[in-house]
Amino acid sequence: MIGAFISFLNNTLLNVALPSIMKDLDVGPATVQWLTTGFMLVSGILIPTTAFLIQKYSVRHLFLAAIGLFAIGTMLAGIAHVFPVLLAGRLLQAAGSAVLSPLLMNVMLVSFPIEKRGSVMGIFGLILMFAPAIGPTLSGWIVEHYSWRMLFHFIAPIAIVVFLIGFFLLKDKKEKVIMSLDVVSLILSSIGFGGILYGFSSAGNAGWDSLQVYGTIILGVVCLTTFILRQFKFENPFLNFNVYQYPMFALSSAISMVVNMALFSGMILLPIYVQNIRGISPMDAGLLMLPGAILMAFMSPLTGRLFDRFGGKILAIIGLTITVVTTFAFSQLRMDTPYMYLMLIYSVRSVGMSMVFMPVSTNGLNQLPRSLYPHGTAVNNTLNQVAGAIGTALMVTIMTTYAASRVKELSDAAMKNITGQPSEAVLAQMQEQITIQATLDGINFSFLFATGLSLVALILAFFIKRATPMEEKPSKVKMPKKVATGH
């Protein structure tokens, strides 16, 4: 859990530091965003392989390899003086981080009986939600007082200590499993998930009409479809989509993906509003989100215990109702919306979110037979990663597109009201005010779209039933004797 905490913390730690990195390493926004996009790409490519890795290798070997890669990447990024070295370090971090989360989830499912899983998942939820939430605040403080390299220097020693503790304390044995990796599935999966992630991540900069965007998305969809159809031919597939034969798992997966897309609206749009429109400092922008992070930390173990007692349905309905109301409140932002009001709404929204993620995903995983746990966690993590990337791209694209149309409307309206020949200074000031107002309108419209997404998830939550583990279920597809992973 400590290893997972620093890897999740690392996900959002760099966001506030990107302007400093651009200045220090002399790179533009389109280049520096690869520190985020590249991280997501590597995660999207590697997470589908975790089901195979968990089945083939012991927890000890996988954990040491993952935290080792993460530590090496962190140290490399900390000493980087040119951008390619920093990017290489970041990609190594992503490779380690991608394995840690599904590995931890699988360990928890196997180690604890079903009646205690809610509480354990609650603690995991604390890490999953709290670490990325405190990232911007911590990053803002470090960047204001030290160099951006400190973001890596203070995590590296923790990663090394976690590696050493794991080396001496983890003793699990695993019988030798003879499995061979289906290379064609690996290639199709990598191009499929990687193409979709890359396409959606590039849309904010390149625009939806760019071949770079729609070309990679189409290629990704074709390869992903081929990959899924290929898996049904094998007795031991690379990633087992038979998990979707279990209705509660399928429903939980759909709700999680929709909520993930809506979640990113708050994480992406609010900092743009606070820093770009209101001119609030990175440190204060991070502090705005801190009470929500702390509340989430307290709520996660509590919702875990409530899940054990009452199940996931009631928690999901209450949590999603809160999410819908607070997301709608964010669609009504003004130029003078009070800072404390923003903090309050964000905090209440965080409480709503904490009541959804862990209860919903745990309820879905609980219906799976033990043999499908690695595949269930791998499918969940992969699709949530893709949903997050799609959500980010959608929100940013909706914001920029709507803002562009509002600039034209406001400019036309302003020109009609002008009498005489205004000076260039007056025109420049007017254009600046129009741009700020149009951006605000775009942010509000994006939050309105996110409200609609949250409402879809709320409707789906009414169909949740308390899940219990089911017996192994044979695939509905007739399977030939060919084996992908060759037991």
Protein backbone atom coordinates (compact mmCIF):
# COMPACT_ATOMS: atom_id res chain seq x y z
CA MET A 1 0.00 0.00 0.00
CA ILE A 2 2.91 2.39 0.67
CA GLY A 3 4.31 1.57 -2.79
CA ALA A 4 0.90 2.19 -4.37
CA PHE A 5 0.54 5.47 -2.43
CA ILE A 6 3.75 7.02 -3.81
CA SER A 7 2.95 5.82 -7.33
CA PHE A 8 -0.57 7.36 -7.20
CA LEU A 9 0.83 10.55 -5.64
CA ASN A 10 3.25 10.75 -8.55
CA ASN A 11 0.33 10.81 -11.04
CA THR A 12 -0.72 14.38 -10.16
CA LEU A 13 2.49 15.68 -8.61
CA LEU A 14 3.86 17.01 -11.91
CA ASN A 15 0.79 18.98 -13.13
CA VAL A 16 1.51 22.21 -11.22
CA ALA A 17 5.24 21.97 -12.06
CA LEU A 18 4.83 21.82 -15.88
CA PRO A 19 5.33 25.62 -16.42
CA SER A 20 8.60 25.48 -14.41
CA ILE A 21 9.81 22.46 -16.43
CA MET A 22 8.97 24.23 -19.72
CA LYS A 23 11.05 27.25 -18.67
CA ASP A 24 13.96 25.26 -17.24
CA LEU A 25 14.31 22.74 -20.10
CA ASP A 26 13.22 25.18 -22.83
CA VAL A 27 10.33 23.15 -24.26
CA GLY A 28 6.82 24.16 -25.39
CA PRO A 29 3.39 23.06 -24.08
CA ALA A 30 2.91 20.47 -26.86
CA THR A 31 6.21 18.80 -25.84
CA VAL A 32 5.86 19.02 -22.06
CA GLN A 33 2.36 17.45 -22.09
CA TRP A 34 4.06 14.18 -23.12
CA LEU A 35 5.10 13.83 -19.46
CA THR A 36 1.38 13.24 -18.77
CA THR A 37 0.31 11.66 -22.09
CA GLY A 38 3.34 9.32 -22.17
CA PHE A 39 2.61 8.20 -18.60
CA MET A 40 -1.00 7.35 -19.55
CA LEU A 41 0.11 5.60 -22.75
CA VAL A 42 2.55 3.27 -20.95
CA SER A 43 -0.10 2.54 -18.28
CA GLY A 44 -2.73 1.83 -20.94
CA ILE A 45 -0.40 -0.58 -22.73
CA LEU A 46 0.94 -2.38 -19.62
CA ILE A 47 -2.19 -2.72 -17.44
CA PRO A 48 -3.82 -5.33 -19.76
CA THR A 49 -0.72 -7.53 -19.35
CA THR A 50 -1.04 -7.60 -15.53
CA ALA A 51 -3.56 -10.46 -15.55
CA PHE A 52 -0.97 -12.65 -17.32
CA LEU A 53 1.88 -11.43 -15.07
CA ILE A 54 -0.07 -12.06 -11.83
CA GLN A 55 -0.88 -15.60 -12.93
CA LYS A 56 2.67 -16.41 -14.04
CA TYR A 57 4.86 -14.73 -11.39
CA SER A 58 4.83 -14.49 -7.59
CA VAL A 59 3.72 -11.34 -5.77
CA ARG A 60 7.30 -10.95 -4.46
CA HIS A 61 8.92 -10.96 -7.93
CA LEU A 62 6.28 -8.69 -9.45
CA PHE A 63 6.34 -6.22 -6.56
CA LEU A 64 10.13 -5.96 -6.51
CA ALA A 65 10.26 -5.51 -10.31
CA ALA A 66 7.51 -2.84 -10.25
CA ILE A 67 8.83 -0.78 -7.32
CA GLY A 68 12.40 -1.21 -8.68
CA LEU A 69 11.42 0.25 -12.08
CA PHE A 70 9.54 3.06 -10.33
CA ALA A 71 12.57 3.91 -8.13
CA ILE A 72 15.01 3.90 -11.11
CA GLY A 73 12.65 6.12 -13.14
CA THR A 74 12.25 8.55 -10.22
CA MET A 75 16.02 8.89 -9.72
CA LEU A 76 16.62 9.33 -13.47
CA ALA A 77 13.93 12.06 -13.72
CA GLY A 78 15.42 13.86 -10.70
CA ILE A 79 18.84 14.29 -12.37
CA ALA A 80 17.50 15.00 -15.89
CA HIS A 81 18.96 18.11 -17.56
CA VAL A 82 17.42 17.51 -20.98
CA PHE A 83 13.77 16.70 -21.77
CA PRO A 84 14.28 13.21 -23.35
CA VAL A 85 15.99 11.97 -20.12
CA LEU A 86 13.13 13.36 -18.00
CA LEU A 87 10.58 11.68 -20.29
CA ALA A 88 12.49 8.35 -20.11
CA GLY A 89 12.44 8.53 -16.29
CA ARG A 90 8.72 9.32 -16.34
CA LEU A 91 7.98 6.34 -18.64
CA LEU A 92 9.94 4.00 -16.32
CA GLN A 93 7.87 5.33 -13.41
CA ALA A 94 4.71 4.56 -15.41
CA ALA A 95 5.87 0.99 -16.12
CA GLY A 96 6.28 0.30 -12.39
CA SER A 97 3.11 2.15 -11.39
CA ALA A 98 0.97 0.26 -13.95
CA VAL A 99 1.76 -3.10 -12.30
CA LEU A 100 1.49 -1.95 -8.64
CA SER A 101 -2.21 -1.06 -8.59
CA PRO A 102 -3.70 -4.27 -10.11
CA LEU A 103 -1.20 -6.34 -8.06
CA LEU A 104 -2.37 -4.73 -4.79
CA MET A 105 -6.04 -5.16 -5.76
CA ASN A 106 -5.47 -8.86 -6.49
CA VAL A 107 -3.57 -9.40 -3.20
CA MET A 108 -6.50 -7.87 -1.28
CA LEU A 109 -9.14 -9.97 -3.06
CA VAL A 110 -7.19 -13.19 -2.43
CA SER A 111 -6.11 -12.36 1.16
CA PHE A 112 -9.42 -11.27 2.72
CA PRO A 113 -12.82 -13.02 3.02
CA ILE A 114 -15.76 -11.38 1.25
CA GLU A 115 -17.27 -9.96 4.48
CA LYS A 116 -14.07 -7.97 5.22
CA ARG A 117 -13.32 -6.80 1.69
CA GLY A 118 -15.30 -3.58 1.96
CA SER A 119 -13.16 -2.33 4.86
CA VAL A 120 -9.92 -3.29 3.10
CA MET A 121 -11.08 -1.71 -0.17
CA GLY A 122 -11.97 1.40 1.87
CA ILE A 123 -8.33 1.73 2.98
CA PHE A 124 -7.25 1.14 -0.63
CA GLY A 125 -9.74 3.84 -1.70
CA LEU A 126 -8.12 6.22 0.79
CA ILE A 127 -4.80 5.71 -1.03
CA LEU A 128 -6.36 5.77 -4.51
CA MET A 129 -8.21 9.06 -3.88
CA PHE A 130 -6.09 10.85 -1.24
CA ALA A 131 -2.67 10.52 -2.91
CA PRO A 132 -3.62 12.18 -6.25
CA ALA A 133 -5.73 14.79 -4.42
CA ILE A 134 -2.88 16.09 -2.20
CA GLY A 135 -0.49 16.02 -5.20
CA PRO A 136 -1.30 19.55 -6.49
CA THR A 137 -1.04 21.14 -2.99
CA LEU A 138 2.27 19.42 -2.20
CA SER A 139 3.60 20.16 -5.69
CA GLY A 140 2.54 23.82 -5.47
CA TRP A 141 4.39 24.25 -2.16
CA ILE A 142 7.57 22.46 -3.39
CA VAL A 143 7.70 24.37 -6.71
CA GLU A 144 7.23 27.73 -4.91
CA HIS A 145 10.08 27.02 -2.46
CA TYR A 146 12.44 24.65 -4.33
CA SER A 147 13.26 23.36 -7.83
CA TRP A 148 10.80 21.02 -9.62
CA ARG A 149 13.52 18.33 -9.29
CA MET A 150 12.64 18.10 -5.58
CA LEU A 151 9.38 16.44 -6.64
CA PHE A 152 11.49 13.43 -7.64
CA HIS A 153 14.23 13.76 -5.00
CA PHE A 154 11.84 13.38 -2.06
CA ILE A 155 9.98 10.36 -3.56
CA ALA A 156 13.14 8.42 -4.61
CA PRO A 157 14.34 7.56 -1.04
CA ILE A 158 10.82 6.38 -0.06
CA ALA A 159 10.72 4.11 -3.15
CA ILE A 160 14.16 2.66 -2.28
CA VAL A 161 13.13 1.99 1.37
CA VAL A 162 9.88 0.30 0.18
CA PHE A 163 11.95 -1.87 -2.21
CA LEU A 164 14.33 -2.95 0.59
CA ILE A 165 11.46 -3.71 3.02
CA GLY A 166 9.73 -5.75 0.29
CA PHE A 167 12.99 -7.58 -0.47
CA PHE A 168 13.40 -8.74 3.16
CA LEU A 169 9.75 -9.21 4.23
CA LEU A 170 7.90 -10.59 1.20
CA LYS A 171 8.36 -14.38 1.25
CA ASP A 172 5.47 -15.76 -0.82
CA LYS A 173 6.20 -18.87 -2.87
CA LYS A 174 4.54 -19.71 -6.15
CA GLU A 175 4.62 -23.02 -7.95
CA LYS A 176 6.24 -22.80 -11.35
CA VAL A 177 3.54 -22.03 -13.90
CA ILE A 178 4.28 -22.85 -17.53
CA MET A 179 2.58 -20.07 -19.49
CA SER A 180 3.66 -18.48 -22.73
CA LEU A 181 2.62 -14.99 -23.74
CA ASP A 182 0.50 -14.66 -26.89
CA VAL A 183 2.62 -12.05 -28.70
CA VAL A 184 -0.07 -11.21 -31.30
CA SER A 185 -2.54 -10.40 -28.48
CA LEU A 186 0.10 -8.24 -26.77
CA ILE A 187 0.72 -6.26 -30.00
CA LEU A 188 -3.01 -5.85 -30.73
CA SER A 189 -3.69 -4.79 -27.13
CA SER A 190 -0.81 -2.28 -27.13
CA ILE A 191 -1.84 -0.67 -30.45
CA GLY A 192 -5.54 -0.81 -29.48
CA PHE A 193 -5.40 0.77 -26.02
CA GLY A 194 -2.37 2.92 -26.91
CA GLY A 195 -4.01 4.27 -30.09
CA ILE A 196 -7.26 5.21 -28.35
CA LEU A 197 -5.41 6.85 -25.43
CA TYR A 198 -3.04 8.73 -27.74
CA GLY A 199 -5.85 9.91 -30.03
CA PHE A 200 -8.03 11.27 -27.23
CA SER A 201 -5.05 12.77 -25.38
CA SER A 202 -3.96 14.62 -28.56
CA ALA A 203 -7.45 16.00 -29.31
CA GLY A 204 -7.11 18.96 -26.92
CA ASN A 205 -4.05 20.28 -28.82
CA ALA A 206 -4.51 19.03 -32.39
CA GLY A 207 -8.33 19.21 -32.69
CA TRP A 208 -10.78 16.46 -33.62
CA ASP A 209 -10.38 17.06 -37.38
CA SER A 210 -6.66 16.19 -37.25
CA LEU A 211 -5.59 12.89 -38.90
CA GLN A 212 -3.27 12.39 -35.91
CA VAL A 213 -6.40 12.25 -33.68
CA TYR A 214 -9.10 10.41 -35.63
CA GLY A 215 -6.55 8.20 -37.45
CA THR A 216 -5.05 6.80 -34.23
CA ILE A 217 -8.52 6.41 -32.63
CA ILE A 218 -9.82 4.42 -35.66
CA LEU A 219 -6.64 2.28 -35.69
CA GLY A 220 -7.01 1.73 -31.93
CA VAL A 221 -10.68 0.69 -32.21
CA VAL A 222 -9.95 -1.77 -35.09
CA CYS A 223 -7.01 -3.37 -33.20
CA LEU A 224 -8.96 -3.48 -29.92
CA THR A 225 -11.96 -5.16 -31.60
CA THR A 226 -9.62 -7.72 -33.22
CA PHE A 227 -7.90 -8.25 -29.84
CA ILE A 228 -11.23 -8.89 -28.01
CA LEU A 229 -12.49 -11.32 -30.69
CA ARG A 230 -9.13 -13.15 -30.60
CA GLN A 231 -9.40 -13.71 -26.83
CA PHE A 232 -12.54 -15.85 -27.25
CA LYS A 233 -10.50 -18.36 -29.30
CA PHE A 234 -8.30 -19.31 -26.35
CA GLU A 235 -8.88 -21.45 -23.30
CA ASN A 236 -6.52 -19.23 -21.25
CA PRO A 237 -6.80 -15.81 -22.89
CA PHE A 238 -4.41 -12.89 -22.47
CA LEU A 239 -7.28 -10.82 -21.01
CA ASN A 240 -10.48 -12.71 -20.20
CA PHE A 241 -13.54 -10.78 -21.38
CA ASN A 242 -15.77 -13.56 -20.04
CA VAL A 243 -15.85 -11.43 -16.85
CA TYR A 244 -18.67 -9.55 -18.62
CA GLN A 245 -20.86 -12.66 -18.39
CA TYR A 246 -21.35 -11.67 -14.73
CA PRO A 247 -24.03 -8.93 -14.71
CA MET A 248 -22.96 -7.09 -11.53
CA PHE A 249 -19.37 -6.88 -12.77
CA ALA A 250 -20.54 -5.55 -16.16
CA LEU A 251 -22.76 -2.96 -14.44
CA SER A 252 -20.04 -1.86 -11.99
CA SER A 253 -17.58 -1.51 -14.88
CA ALA A 254 -20.02 0.72 -16.82
CA ILE A 255 -20.73 2.95 -13.77
CA SER A 256 -17.00 3.27 -12.93
CA MET A 257 -16.14 4.32 -16.49
CA VAL A 258 -18.88 6.97 -16.63
CA VAL A 259 -17.96 8.35 -13.17
CA ASN A 260 -14.26 8.39 -14.12
CA MET A 261 -15.07 10.56 -17.15
CA ALA A 262 -17.09 12.96 -14.95
CA LEU A 263 -14.42 12.98 -12.20
CA PHE A 264 -11.79 14.39 -14.54
CA SER A 265 -14.01 17.41 -15.25
CA GLY A 266 -13.34 18.65 -11.70
CA MET A 267 -9.63 17.75 -11.76
CA ILE A 268 -8.96 19.45 -15.13
CA LEU A 269 -11.48 22.32 -15.39
CA LEU A 270 -11.37 23.69 -11.84
CA PRO A 271 -7.59 24.46 -11.88
CA ILE A 272 -8.06 26.21 -15.27
CA TYR A 273 -10.86 28.36 -13.78
CA VAL A 274 -9.01 29.09 -10.54
CA GLN A 275 -5.58 29.88 -12.05
CA ASN A 276 -6.27 31.19 -15.57
CA ILE A 277 -9.51 33.12 -15.00
CA ARG A 278 -9.30 34.11 -11.33
CA GLY A 279 -5.48 34.47 -11.18
CA ILE A 280 -5.19 32.46 -7.94
CA SER A 281 -1.66 31.11 -7.23
CA PRO A 282 -0.78 27.39 -7.78
CA MET A 283 -0.34 26.95 -4.02
CA ASP A 284 -3.83 28.37 -3.25
CA ALA A 285 -5.30 26.39 -6.16
CA GLY A 286 -3.87 23.22 -4.57
CA LEU A 287 -5.13 24.24 -1.10
CA LEU A 288 -8.63 24.63 -2.57
CA MET A 289 -8.68 20.87 -3.17
CA LEU A 290 -7.05 19.85 0.13
CA PRO A 291 -10.18 19.71 2.39
CA GLY A 292 -11.86 17.47 -0.22
CA ALA A 293 -8.82 15.18 -0.16
CA ILE A 294 -8.84 14.99 3.65
CA LEU A 295 -12.60 14.28 3.73
CA MET A 296 -12.07 11.56 1.13
CA ALA A 297 -9.35 10.05 3.33
CA PHE A 298 -11.71 9.88 6.32
CA MET A 299 -14.67 8.68 4.23
CA SER A 300 -13.00 5.77 2.39
CA PRO A 301 -12.57 3.39 5.39
CA LEU A 302 -16.04 4.42 6.63
CA THR A 303 -17.70 3.67 3.27
CA GLY A 304 -15.81 0.35 3.27
CA ARG A 305 -17.44 -0.63 6.58
CA LEU A 306 -20.84 0.66 5.42
CA PHE A 307 -20.45 -1.45 2.27
CA ASP A 308 -19.82 -4.59 4.35
CA ARG A 309 -23.03 -3.84 6.25
CA PHE A 310 -25.46 -2.43 3.66
CA GLY A 311 -23.99 -3.33 0.24
CA GLY A 312 -23.07 -1.05 -2.67
CA LYS A 313 -26.48 0.06 -4.03
CA ILE A 314 -27.54 2.56 -1.36
CA LEU A 315 -24.00 4.03 -1.12
CA ALA A 316 -23.77 4.43 -4.91
CA ILE A 317 -27.20 6.13 -5.15
CA ILE A 318 -26.44 8.61 -2.32
CA GLY A 319 -22.89 9.26 -3.62
CA LEU A 320 -23.99 9.80 -7.23
CA THR A 321 -26.88 12.09 -6.16
CA ILE A 322 -24.32 14.27 -4.32
CA THR A 323 -22.03 14.14 -7.39
CA VAL A 324 -24.83 15.22 -9.77
CA VAL A 325 -25.90 18.17 -7.55
CA THR A 326 -22.33 19.44 -6.91
CA THR A 327 -21.23 19.03 -10.55
CA PHE A 328 -24.28 21.08 -11.59
CA ALA A 329 -23.27 23.72 -9.00
CA PHE A 330 -19.88 23.95 -10.78
CA SER A 331 -21.68 24.66 -14.08
CA GLN A 332 -22.90 27.98 -12.60
CA LEU A 333 -19.47 29.58 -11.95
CA ARG A 334 -19.11 33.37 -12.17
CA MET A 335 -16.16 35.77 -12.24
CA ASP A 336 -16.67 36.49 -8.54
CA THR A 337 -17.65 33.06 -7.15
CA PRO A 338 -16.29 33.07 -3.55
CA TYR A 339 -13.16 30.97 -2.88
CA MET A 340 -14.76 29.35 0.22
CA TYR A 341 -17.86 28.38 -1.81
CA LEU A 342 -15.62 26.64 -4.38
CA MET A 343 -13.79 24.81 -1.57
CA LEU A 344 -17.11 23.72 0.01
CA ILE A 345 -18.64 22.41 -3.24
CA TYR A 346 -15.41 20.59 -4.18
CA SER A 347 -15.25 19.00 -0.69
CA VAL A 348 -18.88 17.83 -0.79
CA ARG A 349 -18.30 16.47 -4.33
CA SER A 350 -15.27 14.53 -3.04
CA VAL A 351 -17.46 12.92 -0.34
CA GLY A 352 -19.96 11.87 -3.04
CA MET A 353 -17.19 10.41 -5.22
CA SER A 354 -15.71 8.45 -2.28
CA MET A 355 -19.10 6.74 -1.79
CA VAL A 356 -19.11 5.49 -5.38
CA PHE A 357 -15.77 4.11 -6.62
CA MET A 358 -14.76 1.44 -4.10
CA PRO A 359 -18.29 0.14 -3.21
CA VAL A 360 -19.29 -0.16 -6.88
CA SER A 361 -16.07 -1.86 -8.09
CA THR A 362 -15.86 -4.18 -5.03
CA ASN A 363 -19.48 -5.27 -5.52
CA GLY A 364 -18.74 -6.12 -9.16
CA LEU A 365 -15.51 -8.03 -8.36
CA ASN A 366 -17.30 -9.95 -5.58
CA GLN A 367 -19.46 -11.72 -8.17
CA LEU A 368 -16.46 -13.17 -10.02
CA PRO A 369 -15.06 -16.65 -9.31
CA ARG A 370 -11.57 -16.58 -7.74
CA SER A 371 -9.83 -17.58 -10.98
CA LEU A 372 -11.13 -14.44 -12.71
CA TYR A 373 -9.90 -11.92 -10.07
CA PRO A 374 -6.70 -11.01 -11.99
CA HIS A 375 -8.70 -10.56 -15.21
CA GLY A 376 -11.44 -8.54 -13.46
CA THR A 377 -8.94 -6.12 -11.90
CA ALA A 378 -6.96 -5.85 -15.17
CA VAL A 379 -10.12 -5.13 -17.22
CA ASN A 380 -11.33 -2.58 -14.63
CA ASN A 381 -8.00 -0.76 -14.40
CA THR A 382 -7.52 -0.68 -18.17
CA LEU A 383 -10.99 0.64 -18.97
CA ASN A 384 -10.86 3.22 -16.14
CA GLN A 385 -7.53 4.48 -17.51
CA VAL A 386 -9.06 4.78 -21.01
CA ALA A 387 -12.24 6.41 -19.60
CA GLY A 388 -10.11 8.93 -17.69
CA ALA A 389 -8.16 9.87 -20.83
CA ILE A 390 -11.35 10.12 -22.91
CA GLY A 391 -13.00 12.18 -20.15
CA THR A 392 -10.06 14.60 -20.01
CA ALA A 393 -10.02 15.06 -23.79
CA LEU A 394 -13.81 15.43 -24.01
CA MET A 395 -13.99 18.07 -21.26
CA VAL A 396 -11.10 20.13 -22.67
CA THR A 397 -12.40 19.86 -26.25
CA ILE A 398 -15.99 20.78 -25.26
CA MET A 399 -14.62 23.74 -23.29
CA THR A 400 -12.38 25.06 -26.12
CA THR A 401 -15.00 24.51 -28.87
CA TYR A 402 -17.80 26.23 -26.91
CA ALA A 403 -15.43 29.04 -25.84
CA ALA A 404 -14.42 29.65 -29.49
CA SER A 405 -18.07 29.98 -30.57
CA ARG A 406 -18.76 32.33 -27.61
CA VAL A 407 -15.79 34.55 -28.56
CA LYS A 408 -17.41 35.15 -31.96
CA GLU A 409 -20.86 35.83 -30.44
CA LEU A 410 -19.53 38.22 -27.77
CA SER A 411 -17.23 40.02 -30.26
CA ASP A 412 -20.13 40.59 -32.69
CA ALA A 413 -22.37 41.87 -29.87
CA ALA A 414 -19.63 44.20 -28.56
CA MET A 415 -18.87 45.68 -32.00
CA LYS A 416 -22.55 46.59 -32.49
CA ASN A 417 -22.53 48.61 -29.27
CA ILE A 418 -19.35 50.56 -30.07
CA THR A 419 -19.77 54.09 -31.35
CA GLY A 420 -16.94 55.90 -33.12
CA GLN A 421 -13.43 54.53 -33.73
CA PRO A 422 -11.97 52.96 -30.54
CA SER A 423 -8.21 52.98 -29.95
CA GLU A 424 -6.07 49.83 -30.26
CA ALA A 425 -5.62 49.74 -26.47
CA VAL A 426 -9.41 49.77 -25.92
CA LEU A 427 -9.90 47.03 -28.53
CA ALA A 428 -7.14 44.89 -26.96
CA GLN A 429 -8.66 45.26 -23.49
CA MET A 430 -12.13 44.43 -24.83
CA GLN A 431 -10.77 41.34 -26.62
CA GLU A 432 -9.07 40.15 -23.42
CA GLN A 433 -12.30 40.49 -21.41
CA ILE A 434 -14.26 38.66 -24.15
CA THR A 435 -11.71 35.78 -24.14
CA ILE A 436 -11.91 35.41 -20.35
CA GLN A 437 -15.74 35.46 -20.39
CA ALA A 438 -15.84 32.94 -23.28
CA THR A 439 -13.45 30.59 -21.41
CA LEU A 440 -15.67 30.80 -18.32
CA ASP A 441 -18.74 29.98 -20.44
CA GLY A 442 -16.83 27.02 -21.93
CA ILE A 443 -15.92 25.71 -18.46
CA ASN A 444 -19.55 26.01 -17.31
CA PHE A 445 -20.78 24.19 -20.42
CA SER A 446 -18.25 21.36 -19.84
CA PHE A 447 -19.42 20.99 -16.23
CA LEU A 448 -23.01 20.80 -17.52
CA PHE A 449 -21.95 17.93 -19.81
CA ALA A 450 -20.25 16.22 -16.82
CA THR A 451 -23.53 16.62 -14.87
CA GLY A 452 -25.28 14.66 -17.65
CA LEU A 453 -22.64 11.89 -17.40
CA SER A 454 -23.10 11.69 -13.61
CA LEU A 455 -26.87 11.45 -14.11
CA VAL A 456 -26.39 8.43 -16.44
CA ALA A 457 -24.30 6.73 -13.71
CA LEU A 458 -27.00 7.52 -11.09
CA ILE A 459 -29.70 5.86 -13.24
CA LEU A 460 -27.47 2.76 -13.69
CA ALA A 461 -26.90 2.59 -9.89
CA PHE A 462 -30.59 1.73 -9.30
CA PHE A 463 -29.95 -1.65 -11.01
CA ILE A 464 -27.18 -2.71 -8.57
CA LYS A 465 -27.81 -5.88 -6.55
CA ARG A 466 -25.63 -7.25 -3.75
CA ALA A 467 -23.21 -9.69 -5.40
CA THR A 468 -21.98 -13.01 -4.05
CA PRO A 469 -19.21 -15.13 -5.65
CA MET A 470 -20.53 -17.37 -8.42
CA GLU A 471 -19.33 -20.79 -9.47
CA GLU A 472 -17.00 -21.02 -12.43
CA LYS A 473 -19.06 -20.30 -15.51
CA PRO A 474 -18.09 -21.85 -18.83
CA SER A 475 -17.72 -19.45 -21.72
CA LYS A 476 -20.70 -19.16 -24.03
CA VAL A 477 -18.29 -19.34 -26.93
CA LYS A 478 -17.17 -22.80 -27.95
CA MET A 479 -13.45 -23.00 -27.38
CA PRO A 480 -11.02 -24.95 -29.56
CA LYS A 481 -8.09 -26.70 -27.97
CA LYS A 482 -5.57 -24.01 -28.88
CA VAL A 483 -4.25 -22.30 -25.72
CA ALA A 484 -2.94 -18.71 -25.69
CA THR A 485 -0.93 -18.95 -22.51
CA GLY A 486 -0.27 -22.69 -22.66
CA HIS A 487 -0.65 -24.15 -19.12
